[in-house]
């Protein structure tokens, strides 16, 4: 999308990738399904508030990236464009977000003594 200069689509996709990972993270932590953007964002912020494993910049990404989706879906006129730089940053941040929170969600059937996603724990 970035190569084709589809910046609005890239921004929307970056948000949606983070949104779905946040949904999975919430489900694993609460056994509840959150479906709305407000519901996912609010519960995600609440659950990650005091979690030392969570980078504050990544924690804020979900709510900030929603603005990109809103621009792509609803805005018209001069404010309806997302710059290539902003779209590229959103995609990079979404990749970090997905990797970080996917690592915090255990793989079903994984050995509880193993590390994130069933990998061997790091030896310190």
PDB file of N, CA and C in Angstrom:
ATOM      1  N   UNK A   1       0.822  -1.190   0.000  1.00  0.00           N
ATOM      2  CA  UNK A   1       0.000   0.000   0.000  1.00  0.00           C
ATOM      3  C   UNK A   1       0.864   1.251   0.000  1.00  0.00           C
ATOM      4  N   UNK A   2       1.926   1.215   0.791  1.00  0.00           N
ATOM      5  CA  UNK A   2       2.789   2.392   0.843  1.00  0.00           C
ATOM      6  C   UNK A   2       3.455   2.632  -0.508  1.00  0.00           C
ATOM      7  N   UNK A   3       3.907   1.571  -1.154  1.00  0.00           N
ATOM      8  CA  UNK A   3       4.554   1.695  -2.452  1.00  0.00           C
ATOM      9  C   UNK A   3       3.618   2.221  -3.522  1.00  0.00           C
ATOM     10  N   UNK A   4       2.344   1.939  -3.376  1.00  0.00           N
ATOM     11  CA  UNK A   4       1.337   2.395  -4.339  1.00  0.00           C
ATOM     12  C   UNK A   4       0.733   3.739  -3.932  1.00  0.00           C
ATOM     13  N   UNK A   5       1.289   4.341  -2.871  1.00  0.00           N
ATOM     14  CA  UNK A   5       0.829   5.641  -2.369  1.00  0.00           C
ATOM     15  C   UNK A   5      -0.631   5.605  -1.898  1.00  0.00           C
ATOM     16  N   UNK A   6      -1.035   4.472  -1.358  1.00  0.00           N
ATOM     17  CA  UNK A   6      -2.371   4.325  -0.773  1.00  0.00           C
ATOM     18  C   UNK A   6      -2.243   4.586   0.730  1.00  0.00           C
ATOM     19  N   UNK A   7      -1.885   5.812   1.053  1.00  0.00           N
ATOM     20  CA  UNK A   7      -1.568   6.170   2.441  1.00  0.00           C
ATOM     21  C   UNK A   7      -2.754   6.015   3.378  1.00  0.00           C
ATOM     22  N   UNK A   8      -3.950   6.395   2.925  1.00  0.00           N
ATOM     23  CA  UNK A   8      -5.122   6.273   3.783  1.00  0.00           C
ATOM     24  C   UNK A   8      -5.400   4.796   4.089  1.00  0.00           C
ATOM     25  N   UNK A   9      -5.274   3.945   3.072  1.00  0.00           N
ATOM     26  CA  UNK A   9      -5.490   2.511   3.269  1.00  0.00           C
ATOM     27  C   UNK A   9      -4.425   1.934   4.193  1.00  0.00           C
ATOM     28  N   UNK A  10      -3.197   2.385   4.060  1.00  0.00           N
ATOM     29  CA  UNK A  10      -2.119   1.904   4.930  1.00  0.00           C
ATOM     30  C   UNK A  10      -2.385   2.310   6.377  1.00  0.00           C
ATOM     31  N   UNK A  11      -2.832   3.539   6.591  1.00  0.00           N
ATOM     32  CA  UNK A  11      -3.144   3.995   7.938  1.00  0.00           C
ATOM     33  C   UNK A  11      -4.282   3.205   8.560  1.00  0.00           C
ATOM     34  N   UNK A  12      -5.330   2.975   7.764  1.00  0.00           N
ATOM     35  CA  UNK A  12      -6.478   2.191   8.246  1.00  0.00           C
ATOM     36  C   UNK A  12      -6.032   0.780   8.598  1.00  0.00           C
ATOM     37  N   UNK A  13      -5.243   0.171   7.741  1.00  0.00           N
ATOM     38  CA  UNK A  13      -4.789  -1.198   7.962  1.00  0.00           C
ATOM     39  C   UNK A  13      -3.886  -1.296   9.189  1.00  0.00           C
ATOM     40  N   UNK A  14      -3.040  -0.294   9.396  1.00  0.00           N
ATOM     41  CA  UNK A  14      -2.182  -0.282  10.579  1.00  0.00           C
ATOM     42  C   UNK A  14      -3.043  -0.289  11.842  1.00  0.00           C
ATOM     43  N   UNK A  15      -4.071   0.551  11.860  1.00  0.00           N
ATOM     44  CA  UNK A  15      -4.959   0.581  13.019  1.00  0.00           C
ATOM     45  C   UNK A  15      -5.667  -0.759  13.196  1.00  0.00           C
ATOM     46  N   UNK A  16      -6.217  -1.297  12.125  1.00  0.00           N
ATOM     47  CA  UNK A  16      -6.988  -2.535  12.249  1.00  0.00           C
ATOM     48  C   UNK A  16      -6.123  -3.709  12.697  1.00  0.00           C
ATOM     49  N   UNK A  17      -4.869  -3.748  12.279  1.00  0.00           N
ATOM     50  CA  UNK A  17      -3.972  -4.805  12.753  1.00  0.00           C
ATOM     51  C   UNK A  17      -3.812  -4.698  14.272  1.00  0.00           C
ATOM     52  N   UNK A  18      -3.580  -3.478  14.761  1.00  0.00           N
ATOM     53  CA  UNK A  18      -3.434  -3.275  16.205  1.00  0.00           C
ATOM     54  C   UNK A  18      -4.745  -3.566  16.935  1.00  0.00           C
ATOM     55  N   UNK A  19      -5.860  -3.158  16.362  1.00  0.00           N
ATOM     56  CA  UNK A  19      -7.170  -3.377  16.969  1.00  0.00           C
ATOM     57  C   UNK A  19      -7.425  -4.867  17.191  1.00  0.00           C
ATOM     58  N   UNK A  20      -7.151  -5.681  16.174  1.00  0.00           N
ATOM     59  CA  UNK A  20      -7.428  -7.116  16.300  1.00  0.00           C
ATOM     60  C   UNK A  20      -6.474  -7.794  17.284  1.00  0.00           C
ATOM     61  N   UNK A  21      -5.233  -7.358  17.333  1.00  0.00           N
ATOM     62  CA  UNK A  21      -4.309  -7.905  18.327  1.00  0.00           C
ATOM     63  C   UNK A  21      -4.754  -7.490  19.726  1.00  0.00           C
ATOM     64  N   UNK A  22      -5.214  -6.254  19.871  1.00  0.00           N
ATOM     65  CA  UNK A  22      -5.723  -5.806  21.167  1.00  0.00           C
ATOM     66  C   UNK A  22      -6.936  -6.635  21.579  1.00  0.00           C
ATOM     67  N   UNK A  23      -7.817  -6.948  20.630  1.00  0.00           N
ATOM     68  CA  UNK A  23      -8.965  -7.804  20.938  1.00  0.00           C
ATOM     69  C   UNK A  23      -8.499  -9.159  21.478  1.00  0.00           C
ATOM     70  N   UNK A  24      -7.514  -9.759  20.822  1.00  0.00           N
ATOM     71  CA  UNK A  24      -6.999 -11.062  21.254  1.00  0.00           C
ATOM     72  C   UNK A  24      -6.358 -10.949  22.634  1.00  0.00           C
ATOM     73  N   UNK A  25      -5.584  -9.904  22.841  1.00  0.00           N
ATOM     74  CA  UNK A  25      -4.941  -9.667  24.129  1.00  0.00           C
ATOM     75  C   UNK A  25      -5.993  -9.551  25.235  1.00  0.00           C
ATOM     76  N   UNK A  26      -7.042  -8.787  24.968  1.00  0.00           N
ATOM     77  CA  UNK A  26      -8.117  -8.618  25.953  1.00  0.00           C
ATOM     78  C   UNK A  26      -8.830  -9.935  26.234  1.00  0.00           C
ATOM     79  N   UNK A  27      -9.101 -10.685  25.187  1.00  0.00           N
ATOM     80  CA  UNK A  27      -9.786 -11.960  25.377  1.00  0.00           C
ATOM     81  C   UNK A  27      -8.943 -12.891  26.249  1.00  0.00           C
ATOM     82  N   UNK A  28      -7.663 -12.944  25.975  1.00  0.00           N
ATOM     83  CA  UNK A  28      -6.794 -13.814  26.776  1.00  0.00           C
ATOM     84  C   UNK A  28      -6.704 -13.367  28.229  1.00  0.00           C
ATOM     85  N   UNK A  29      -6.800 -12.080  28.475  1.00  0.00           N
ATOM     86  CA  UNK A  29      -6.707 -11.555  29.841  1.00  0.00           C
ATOM     87  C   UNK A  29      -8.034 -11.597  30.578  1.00  0.00           C
ATOM     88  N   UNK A  30      -9.168 -11.452  29.867  1.00  0.00           N
ATOM     89  CA  UNK A  30     -10.451 -11.309  30.549  1.00  0.00           C
ATOM     90  C   UNK A  30     -11.474 -12.387  30.204  1.00  0.00           C
ATOM     91  N   UNK A  31     -11.229 -13.160  29.165  1.00  0.00           N
ATOM     92  CA  UNK A  31     -12.176 -14.141  28.634  1.00  0.00           C
ATOM     93  C   UNK A  31     -13.468 -13.472  28.145  1.00  0.00           C
ATOM     94  N   UNK A  32     -13.384 -12.178  27.829  1.00  0.00           N
ATOM     95  CA  UNK A  32     -14.522 -11.439  27.286  1.00  0.00           C
ATOM     96  C   UNK A  32     -14.172 -10.954  25.887  1.00  0.00           C
ATOM     97  N   UNK A  33     -15.197 -10.855  25.048  1.00  0.00           N
ATOM     98  CA  UNK A  33     -15.012 -10.359  23.688  1.00  0.00           C
ATOM     99  C   UNK A  33     -15.445  -8.898  23.643  1.00  0.00           C
ATOM    100  N   UNK A  34     -14.550  -8.049  23.254  1.00  0.00           N
ATOM    101  CA  UNK A  34     -14.843  -6.628  23.070  1.00  0.00           C
ATOM    102  C   UNK A  34     -14.890  -6.380  21.575  1.00  0.00           C
ATOM    103  N   UNK A  35     -15.980  -5.784  21.094  1.00  0.00           N
ATOM    104  CA  UNK A  35     -16.172  -5.643  19.657  1.00  0.00           C
ATOM    105  C   UNK A  35     -16.071  -4.215  19.146  1.00  0.00           C
ATOM    106  N   UNK A  36     -16.438  -3.244  19.959  1.00  0.00           N
ATOM    107  CA  UNK A  36     -16.468  -1.870  19.464  1.00  0.00           C
ATOM    108  C   UNK A  36     -15.085  -1.217  19.611  1.00  0.00           C
ATOM    109  N   UNK A  37     -14.855  -0.220  18.801  1.00  0.00           N
ATOM    110  CA  UNK A  37     -13.582   0.492  18.884  1.00  0.00           C
ATOM    111  C   UNK A  37     -13.423   1.120  20.267  1.00  0.00           C
ATOM    112  N   UNK A  38     -14.466   1.775  20.751  1.00  0.00           N
ATOM    113  CA  UNK A  38     -14.398   2.382  22.083  1.00  0.00           C
ATOM    114  C   UNK A  38     -14.185   1.337  23.168  1.00  0.00           C
ATOM    115  N   UNK A  39     -14.897   0.236  23.072  1.00  0.00           N
ATOM    116  CA  UNK A  39     -14.774  -0.820  24.075  1.00  0.00           C
ATOM    117  C   UNK A  39     -13.383  -1.416  24.115  1.00  0.00           C
ATOM    118  N   UNK A  40     -12.828  -1.731  22.947  1.00  0.00           N
ATOM    119  CA  UNK A  40     -11.486  -2.305  22.878  1.00  0.00           C
ATOM    120  C   UNK A  40     -10.460  -1.297  23.384  1.00  0.00           C
ATOM    121  N   UNK A  41     -10.550  -0.067  22.901  1.00  0.00           N
ATOM    122  CA  UNK A  41      -9.574   0.943  23.307  1.00  0.00           C
ATOM    123  C   UNK A  41      -9.624   1.214  24.808  1.00  0.00           C
ATOM    124  N   UNK A  42     -10.815   1.369  25.352  1.00  0.00           N
ATOM    125  CA  UNK A  42     -10.963   1.657  26.775  1.00  0.00           C
ATOM    126  C   UNK A  42     -10.462   0.535  27.656  1.00  0.00           C
ATOM    127  N   UNK A  43     -10.863  -0.686  27.355  1.00  0.00           N
ATOM    128  CA  UNK A  43     -10.440  -1.828  28.171  1.00  0.00           C
ATOM    129  C   UNK A  43      -8.946  -2.077  28.008  1.00  0.00           C
ATOM    130  N   UNK A  44      -8.441  -1.892  26.803  1.00  0.00           N
ATOM    131  CA  UNK A  44      -7.014  -2.057  26.561  1.00  0.00           C
ATOM    132  C   UNK A  44      -6.209  -1.067  27.409  1.00  0.00           C
ATOM    133  N   UNK A  45      -6.626   0.188  27.418  1.00  0.00           N
ATOM    134  CA  UNK A  45      -5.928   1.190  28.231  1.00  0.00           C
ATOM    135  C   UNK A  45      -6.007   0.849  29.717  1.00  0.00           C
ATOM    136  N   UNK A  46      -7.175   0.387  30.151  1.00  0.00           N
ATOM    137  CA  UNK A  46      -7.350   0.034  31.559  1.00  0.00           C
ATOM    138  C   UNK A  46      -6.445  -1.132  31.954  1.00  0.00           C
ATOM    139  N   UNK A  47      -6.418  -2.181  31.134  1.00  0.00           N
ATOM    140  CA  UNK A  47      -5.648  -3.377  31.485  1.00  0.00           C
ATOM    141  C   UNK A  47      -4.137  -3.183  31.376  1.00  0.00           C
ATOM    142  N   UNK A  48      -3.715  -2.280  30.530  1.00  0.00           N
ATOM    143  CA  UNK A  48      -2.270  -2.101  30.340  1.00  0.00           C
ATOM    144  C   UNK A  48      -1.711  -0.938  31.162  1.00  0.00           C
ATOM    145  N   UNK A  49      -2.579  -0.250  31.886  1.00  0.00           N
ATOM    146  CA  UNK A  49      -2.187   0.970  32.604  1.00  0.00           C
ATOM    147  C   UNK A  49      -0.951   0.791  33.479  1.00  0.00           C
ATOM    148  N   UNK A  50      -0.928  -0.211  34.304  1.00  0.00           N
ATOM    149  CA  UNK A  50       0.165  -0.390  35.255  1.00  0.00           C
ATOM    150  C   UNK A  50       1.042  -1.594  34.916  1.00  0.00           C
ATOM    151  N   UNK A  51       0.967  -2.056  33.687  1.00  0.00           N
ATOM    152  CA  UNK A  51       1.736  -3.230  33.281  1.00  0.00           C
ATOM    153  C   UNK A  51       3.142  -2.788  32.866  1.00  0.00           C
ATOM    154  N   UNK A  52       4.165  -3.146  33.633  1.00  0.00           N
ATOM    155  CA  UNK A  52       5.518  -2.693  33.313  1.00  0.00           C
ATOM    156  C   UNK A  52       6.073  -3.288  32.014  1.00  0.00           C
ATOM    157  N   UNK A  53       5.436  -4.332  31.501  1.00  0.00           N
ATOM    158  CA  UNK A  53       5.902  -4.947  30.248  1.00  0.00           C
ATOM    159  C   UNK A  53       5.502  -4.130  29.029  1.00  0.00           C
ATOM    160  N   UNK A  54       4.609  -3.167  29.219  1.00  0.00           N
ATOM    161  CA  UNK A  54       4.025  -2.440  28.090  1.00  0.00           C
ATOM    162  C   UNK A  54       4.714  -1.094  27.895  1.00  0.00           C
ATOM    163  N   UNK A  55       5.263  -0.906  26.716  1.00  0.00           N
ATOM    164  CA  UNK A  55       5.882   0.360  26.319  1.00  0.00           C
ATOM    165  C   UNK A  55       4.776   1.411  26.217  1.00  0.00           C
ATOM    166  N   UNK A  56       4.911   2.546  26.934  1.00  0.00           N
ATOM    167  CA  UNK A  56       3.868   3.580  26.903  1.00  0.00           C
ATOM    168  C   UNK A  56       3.551   4.084  25.492  1.00  0.00           C
ATOM    169  N   UNK A  57       4.553   4.135  24.626  1.00  0.00           N
ATOM    170  CA  UNK A  57       4.316   4.574  23.253  1.00  0.00           C
ATOM    171  C   UNK A  57       3.415   3.577  22.515  1.00  0.00           C
ATOM    172  N   UNK A  58       3.653   2.290  22.718  1.00  0.00           N
ATOM    173  CA  UNK A  58       2.801   1.276  22.089  1.00  0.00           C
ATOM    174  C   UNK A  58       1.401   1.289  22.697  1.00  0.00           C
ATOM    175  N   UNK A  59       1.344   1.520  23.989  1.00  0.00           N
ATOM    176  CA  UNK A  59       0.045   1.580  24.672  1.00  0.00           C
ATOM    177  C   UNK A  59      -0.827   2.676  24.060  1.00  0.00           C
ATOM    178  N   UNK A  60      -0.235   3.808  23.726  1.00  0.00           N
ATOM    179  CA  UNK A  60      -0.974   4.934  23.162  1.00  0.00           C
ATOM    180  C   UNK A  60      -1.275   4.761  21.672  1.00  0.00           C
ATOM    181  N   UNK A  61      -0.569   3.856  21.011  1.00  0.00           N
ATOM    182  CA  UNK A  61      -0.715   3.716  19.564  1.00  0.00           C
ATOM    183  C   UNK A  61      -2.142   3.387  19.138  1.00  0.00           C
ATOM    184  N   UNK A  62      -2.803   2.506  19.850  1.00  0.00           N
ATOM    185  CA  UNK A  62      -4.134   2.062  19.440  1.00  0.00           C
ATOM    186  C   UNK A  62      -5.094   3.248  19.305  1.00  0.00           C
ATOM    187  N   UNK A  63      -5.153   4.083  20.302  1.00  0.00           N
ATOM    188  CA  UNK A  63      -6.066   5.232  20.269  1.00  0.00           C
ATOM    189  C   UNK A  63      -5.615   6.251  19.223  1.00  0.00           C
ATOM    190  N   UNK A  64      -4.324   6.495  19.114  1.00  0.00           N
ATOM    191  CA  UNK A  64      -3.820   7.456  18.135  1.00  0.00           C
ATOM    192  C   UNK A  64      -4.064   6.978  16.705  1.00  0.00           C
ATOM    193  N   UNK A  65      -3.862   5.693  16.464  1.00  0.00           N
ATOM    194  CA  UNK A  65      -4.029   5.153  15.116  1.00  0.00           C
ATOM    195  C   UNK A  65      -5.496   5.151  14.680  1.00  0.00           C
ATOM    196  N   UNK A  66      -6.406   5.149  15.637  1.00  0.00           N
ATOM    197  CA  UNK A  66      -7.826   5.213  15.263  1.00  0.00           C
ATOM    198  C   UNK A  66      -8.099   6.463  14.434  1.00  0.00           C
ATOM    199  N   UNK A  67      -7.387   7.538  14.713  1.00  0.00           N
ATOM    200  CA  UNK A  67      -7.563   8.769  13.931  1.00  0.00           C
ATOM    201  C   UNK A  67      -7.268   8.541  12.456  1.00  0.00           C
ATOM    202  N   UNK A  68      -6.306   7.677  12.151  1.00  0.00           N
ATOM    203  CA  UNK A  68      -5.996   7.379  10.754  1.00  0.00           C
ATOM    204  C   UNK A  68      -7.153   6.647  10.094  1.00  0.00           C
ATOM    205  N   UNK A  69      -7.747   5.716  10.808  1.00  0.00           N
ATOM    206  CA  UNK A  69      -8.908   5.000  10.282  1.00  0.00           C
ATOM    207  C   UNK A  69     -10.057   5.971  10.058  1.00  0.00           C
ATOM    208  N   UNK A  70     -10.277   6.859  11.009  1.00  0.00           N
ATOM    209  CA  UNK A  70     -11.364   7.840  10.881  1.00  0.00           C
ATOM    210  C   UNK A  70     -11.145   8.747   9.674  1.00  0.00           C
ATOM    211  N   UNK A  71      -9.911   9.183   9.471  1.00  0.00           N
ATOM    212  CA  UNK A  71      -9.617  10.013   8.299  1.00  0.00           C
ATOM    213  C   UNK A  71      -9.918   9.241   7.027  1.00  0.00           C
ATOM    214  N   UNK A  72      -9.435   8.000   6.952  1.00  0.00           N
ATOM    215  CA  UNK A  72      -9.634   7.188   5.748  1.00  0.00           C
ATOM    216  C   UNK A  72     -11.109   6.891   5.491  1.00  0.00           C
ATOM    217  N   UNK A  73     -11.869   6.663   6.548  1.00  0.00           N
ATOM    218  CA  UNK A  73     -13.264   6.242   6.390  1.00  0.00           C
ATOM    219  C   UNK A  73     -14.263   7.387   6.277  1.00  0.00           C
ATOM    220  N   UNK A  74     -13.988   8.513   6.938  1.00  0.00           N
ATOM    221  CA  UNK A  74     -15.038   9.516   7.078  1.00  0.00           C
ATOM    222  C   UNK A  74     -14.694  10.914   6.593  1.00  0.00           C
ATOM    223  N   UNK A  75     -13.426  11.267   6.540  1.00  0.00           N
ATOM    224  CA  UNK A  75     -13.046  12.640   6.209  1.00  0.00           C
ATOM    225  C   UNK A  75     -13.104  12.895   4.711  1.00  0.00           C
ATOM    226  N   UNK A  76     -13.410  14.120   4.372  1.00  0.00           N
ATOM    227  CA  UNK A  76     -13.369  14.569   2.985  1.00  0.00           C
ATOM    228  C   UNK A  76     -12.678  15.924   2.955  1.00  0.00           C
ATOM    229  N   UNK A  77     -12.234  16.325   1.811  1.00  0.00           N
ATOM    230  CA  UNK A  77     -11.612  17.638   1.675  1.00  0.00           C
ATOM    231  C   UNK A  77     -10.139  17.621   2.023  1.00  0.00           C
ATOM    232  N   UNK A  78      -9.617  18.790   2.389  1.00  0.00           N
ATOM    233  CA  UNK A  78      -8.178  18.934   2.606  1.00  0.00           C
ATOM    234  C   UNK A  78      -7.663  18.136   3.798  1.00  0.00           C
ATOM    235  N   UNK A  79      -8.466  17.902   4.801  1.00  0.00           N
ATOM    236  CA  UNK A  79      -8.024  17.143   5.976  1.00  0.00           C
ATOM    237  C   UNK A  79      -8.103  15.647   5.791  1.00  0.00           C
ATOM    238  N   UNK A  80      -8.485  15.201   4.603  1.00  0.00           N
ATOM    239  CA  UNK A  80      -8.728  13.783   4.368  1.00  0.00           C
ATOM    240  C   UNK A  80      -7.507  13.046   3.845  1.00  0.00           C
ATOM    241  N   UNK A  81      -6.369  13.676   3.873  1.00  0.00           N
ATOM    242  CA  UNK A  81      -5.174  13.032   3.347  1.00  0.00           C
ATOM    243  C   UNK A  81      -4.211  12.689   4.472  1.00  0.00           C
ATOM    244  N   UNK A  82      -3.578  11.545   4.332  1.00  0.00           N
ATOM    245  CA  UNK A  82      -2.552  11.100   5.262  1.00  0.00           C
ATOM    246  C   UNK A  82      -1.241  11.131   4.502  1.00  0.00           C
ATOM    247  N   UNK A  83      -0.246  11.786   5.060  1.00  0.00           N
ATOM    248  CA  UNK A  83       1.040  11.893   4.366  1.00  0.00           C
ATOM    249  C   UNK A  83       1.715  10.527   4.285  1.00  0.00           C
ATOM    250  N   UNK A  84       2.605  10.399   3.328  1.00  0.00           N
ATOM    251  CA  UNK A  84       3.366   9.158   3.179  1.00  0.00           C
ATOM    252  C   UNK A  84       4.186   8.885   4.440  1.00  0.00           C
ATOM    253  N   UNK A  85       4.741   9.938   5.040  1.00  0.00           N
ATOM    254  CA  UNK A  85       5.545   9.772   6.251  1.00  0.00           C
ATOM    255  C   UNK A  85       4.697   9.276   7.415  1.00  0.00           C
ATOM    256  N   UNK A  86       3.515   9.859   7.567  1.00  0.00           N
ATOM    257  CA  UNK A  86       2.631   9.455   8.667  1.00  0.00           C
ATOM    258  C   UNK A  86       2.149   8.016   8.476  1.00  0.00           C
ATOM    259  N   UNK A  87       1.838   7.661   7.231  1.00  0.00           N
ATOM    260  CA  UNK A  87       1.395   6.292   6.943  1.00  0.00           C
ATOM    261  C   UNK A  87       2.523   5.297   7.205  1.00  0.00           C
ATOM    262  N   UNK A  88       3.732   5.624   6.778  1.00  0.00           N
ATOM    263  CA  UNK A  88       4.867   4.725   6.985  1.00  0.00           C
ATOM    264  C   UNK A  88       5.157   4.549   8.475  1.00  0.00           C
ATOM    265  N   UNK A  89       5.069   5.628   9.235  1.00  0.00           N
ATOM    266  CA  UNK A  89       5.273   5.529  10.685  1.00  0.00           C
ATOM    267  C   UNK A  89       4.197   4.659  11.320  1.00  0.00           C
ATOM    268  N   UNK A  90       2.951   4.824  10.880  1.00  0.00           N
ATOM    269  CA  UNK A  90       1.858   4.018  11.428  1.00  0.00           C
ATOM    270  C   UNK A  90       2.070   2.537  11.135  1.00  0.00           C
ATOM    271  N   UNK A  91       2.504   2.219   9.936  1.00  0.00           N
ATOM    272  CA  UNK A  91       2.755   0.819   9.576  1.00  0.00           C
ATOM    273  C   UNK A  91       3.889   0.255  10.434  1.00  0.00           C
ATOM    274  N   UNK A  92       4.962   1.009  10.591  1.00  0.00           N
ATOM    275  CA  UNK A  92       6.086   0.551  11.419  1.00  0.00           C
ATOM    276  C   UNK A  92       5.646   0.374  12.874  1.00  0.00           C
ATOM    277  N   UNK A  93       4.891   1.330  13.391  1.00  0.00           N
ATOM    278  CA  UNK A  93       4.402   1.235  14.771  1.00  0.00           C
ATOM    279  C   UNK A  93       3.438   0.065  14.935  1.00  0.00           C
ATOM    280  N   UNK A  94       2.608  -0.174  13.933  1.00  0.00           N
ATOM    281  CA  UNK A  94       1.671  -1.300  13.999  1.00  0.00           C
ATOM    282  C   UNK A  94       2.430  -2.622  14.031  1.00  0.00           C
ATOM    283  N   UNK A  95       3.497  -2.727  13.264  1.00  0.00           N
ATOM    284  CA  UNK A  95       4.308  -3.952  13.284  1.00  0.00           C
ATOM    285  C   UNK A  95       4.898  -4.179  14.674  1.00  0.00           C
ATOM    286  N   UNK A  96       5.396  -3.111  15.296  1.00  0.00           N
ATOM    287  CA  UNK A  96       5.925  -3.215  16.654  1.00  0.00           C
ATOM    288  C   UNK A  96       4.825  -3.603  17.637  1.00  0.00           C
ATOM    289  N   UNK A  97       3.658  -2.971  17.503  1.00  0.00           N
ATOM    290  CA  UNK A  97       2.520  -3.242  18.380  1.00  0.00           C
ATOM    291  C   UNK A  97       2.122  -4.712  18.279  1.00  0.00           C
ATOM    292  N   UNK A  98       1.938  -5.188  17.055  1.00  0.00           N
ATOM    293  CA  UNK A  98       1.510  -6.571  16.844  1.00  0.00           C
ATOM    294  C   UNK A  98       2.532  -7.538  17.436  1.00  0.00           C
ATOM    295  N   UNK A  99       3.803  -7.336  17.154  1.00  0.00           N
ATOM    296  CA  UNK A  99       4.829  -8.241  17.662  1.00  0.00           C
ATOM    297  C   UNK A  99       4.876  -8.219  19.193  1.00  0.00           C
ATOM    298  N   UNK A 100       4.792  -7.032  19.765  1.00  0.00           N
ATOM    299  CA  UNK A 100       4.884  -6.903  21.228  1.00  0.00           C
ATOM    300  C   UNK A 100       3.722  -7.599  21.925  1.00  0.00           C
ATOM    301  N   UNK A 101       2.500  -7.296  21.493  1.00  0.00           N
ATOM    302  CA  UNK A 101       1.348  -7.852  22.201  1.00  0.00           C
ATOM    303  C   UNK A 101       1.072  -9.298  21.826  1.00  0.00           C
ATOM    304  N   UNK A 102       1.447  -9.710  20.635  1.00  0.00           N
ATOM    305  CA  UNK A 102       1.327 -11.126  20.281  1.00  0.00           C
ATOM    306  C   UNK A 102       2.240 -11.958  21.176  1.00  0.00           C
ATOM    307  N   UNK A 103       3.394 -11.410  21.526  1.00  0.00           N
ATOM    308  CA  UNK A 103       4.318 -12.123  22.416  1.00  0.00           C
ATOM    309  C   UNK A 103       3.773 -12.245  23.835  1.00  0.00           C
ATOM    310  N   UNK A 104       2.827 -11.380  24.207  1.00  0.00           N
ATOM    311  CA  UNK A 104       2.241 -11.436  25.547  1.00  0.00           C
ATOM    312  C   UNK A 104       1.022 -12.362  25.623  1.00  0.00           C
ATOM    313  N   UNK A 105       0.585 -12.866  24.477  1.00  0.00           N
ATOM    314  CA  UNK A 105      -0.566 -13.774  24.439  1.00  0.00           C
ATOM    315  C   UNK A 105      -0.033 -15.194  24.297  1.00  0.00           C
ATOM    316  N   UNK A 106      -0.335 -16.066  25.252  1.00  0.00           N
ATOM    317  CA  UNK A 106       0.197 -17.426  25.180  1.00  0.00           C
ATOM    318  C   UNK A 106      -0.424 -18.210  24.028  1.00  0.00           C
ATOM    319  N   UNK A 107       0.378 -19.081  23.462  1.00  0.00           N
ATOM    320  CA  UNK A 107      -0.117 -19.959  22.406  1.00  0.00           C
ATOM    321  C   UNK A 107      -0.913 -21.067  23.078  1.00  0.00           C
ATOM    322  N   UNK A 108      -2.089 -21.363  22.525  1.00  0.00           N
ATOM    323  CA  UNK A 108      -2.942 -22.395  23.108  1.00  0.00           C
ATOM    324  C   UNK A 108      -2.202 -23.727  23.116  1.00  0.00           C
ATOM    325  N   UNK A 109      -2.188 -24.373  24.264  1.00  0.00           N
ATOM    326  CA  UNK A 109      -1.541 -25.665  24.399  1.00  0.00           C
ATOM    327  C   UNK A 109      -0.051 -25.585  24.670  1.00  0.00           C
ATOM    328  N   UNK A 110       0.482 -24.378  24.799  1.00  0.00           N
ATOM    329  CA  UNK A 110       1.919 -24.230  25.061  1.00  0.00           C
ATOM    330  C   UNK A 110       2.228 -24.631  26.498  1.00  0.00           C
ATOM    331  N   UNK A 111       3.421 -25.080  26.716  1.00  0.00           N
ATOM    332  CA  UNK A 111       3.897 -25.438  28.044  1.00  0.00           C
ATOM    333  C   UNK A 111       3.942 -24.175  28.898  1.00  0.00           C
ATOM    334  N   UNK A 112       3.263 -24.153  30.064  1.00  0.00           N
ATOM    335  CA  UNK A 112       3.251 -22.950  30.894  1.00  0.00           C
ATOM    336  C   UNK A 112       4.636 -22.531  31.380  1.00  0.00           C
ATOM    337  N   UNK A 113       5.610 -23.450  31.358  1.00  0.00           N
ATOM    338  CA  UNK A 113       6.965 -23.123  31.773  1.00  0.00           C
ATOM    339  C   UNK A 113       7.764 -22.470  30.656  1.00  0.00           C
ATOM    340  N   UNK A 114       7.210 -22.479  29.443  1.00  0.00           N
ATOM    341  CA  UNK A 114       7.935 -21.881  28.316  1.00  0.00           C
ATOM    342  C   UNK A 114       7.684 -20.396  28.276  1.00  0.00           C
ATOM    343  N   UNK A 115       8.415 -19.711  27.439  1.00  0.00           N
ATOM    344  CA  UNK A 115       8.284 -18.269  27.290  1.00  0.00           C
ATOM    345  C   UNK A 115       7.116 -17.917  26.397  1.00  0.00           C
ATOM    346  N   UNK A 116       7.016 -16.628  25.989  1.00  0.00           N
ATOM    347  CA  UNK A 116       5.928 -16.174  25.137  1.00  0.00           C
ATOM    348  C   UNK A 116       5.861 -16.998  23.856  1.00  0.00           C
ATOM    349  N   UNK A 117       4.652 -17.304  23.435  1.00  0.00           N
ATOM    350  CA  UNK A 117       4.393 -18.046  22.198  1.00  0.00           C
ATOM    351  C   UNK A 117       5.040 -19.418  22.179  1.00  0.00           C
ATOM    352  N   UNK A 118       5.227 -20.009  23.356  1.00  0.00           N
ATOM    353  CA  UNK A 118       5.725 -21.369  23.427  1.00  0.00           C
ATOM    354  C   UNK A 118       7.231 -21.482  23.270  1.00  0.00           C
ATOM    355  N   UNK A 119       7.949 -20.381  23.174  1.00  0.00           N
ATOM    356  CA  UNK A 119       9.392 -20.425  23.018  1.00  0.00           C
ATOM    357  C   UNK A 119      10.054 -20.728  24.352  1.00  0.00           C
ATOM    358  N   UNK A 120      11.288 -21.124  24.306  1.00  0.00           N
ATOM    359  CA  UNK A 120      12.021 -21.372  25.541  1.00  0.00           C
ATOM    360  C   UNK A 120      12.267 -20.057  26.254  1.00  0.00           C
ATOM    361  N   UNK A 121      12.124 -20.063  27.581  1.00  0.00           N
ATOM    362  CA  UNK A 121      12.363 -18.810  28.302  1.00  0.00           C
ATOM    363  C   UNK A 121      13.826 -18.397  28.184  1.00  0.00           C
ATOM    364  N   UNK A 122      14.055 -17.093  28.233  1.00  0.00           N
ATOM    365  CA  UNK A 122      15.424 -16.587  28.193  1.00  0.00           C
ATOM    366  C   UNK A 122      16.085 -16.861  29.527  1.00  0.00           C
ATOM    367  N   UNK A 123      17.327 -17.211  29.463  1.00  0.00           N
ATOM    368  CA  UNK A 123      18.116 -17.411  30.681  1.00  0.00           C
ATOM    369  C   UNK A 123      18.855 -16.124  30.944  1.00  0.00           C
ATOM    370  N   UNK A 124      18.711 -15.622  32.162  1.00  0.00           N
ATOM    371  CA  UNK A 124      19.387 -14.368  32.496  1.00  0.00           C
ATOM    372  C   UNK A 124      20.578 -14.606  33.343  1.00  0.00           C
TER     373      UNK A 124
END
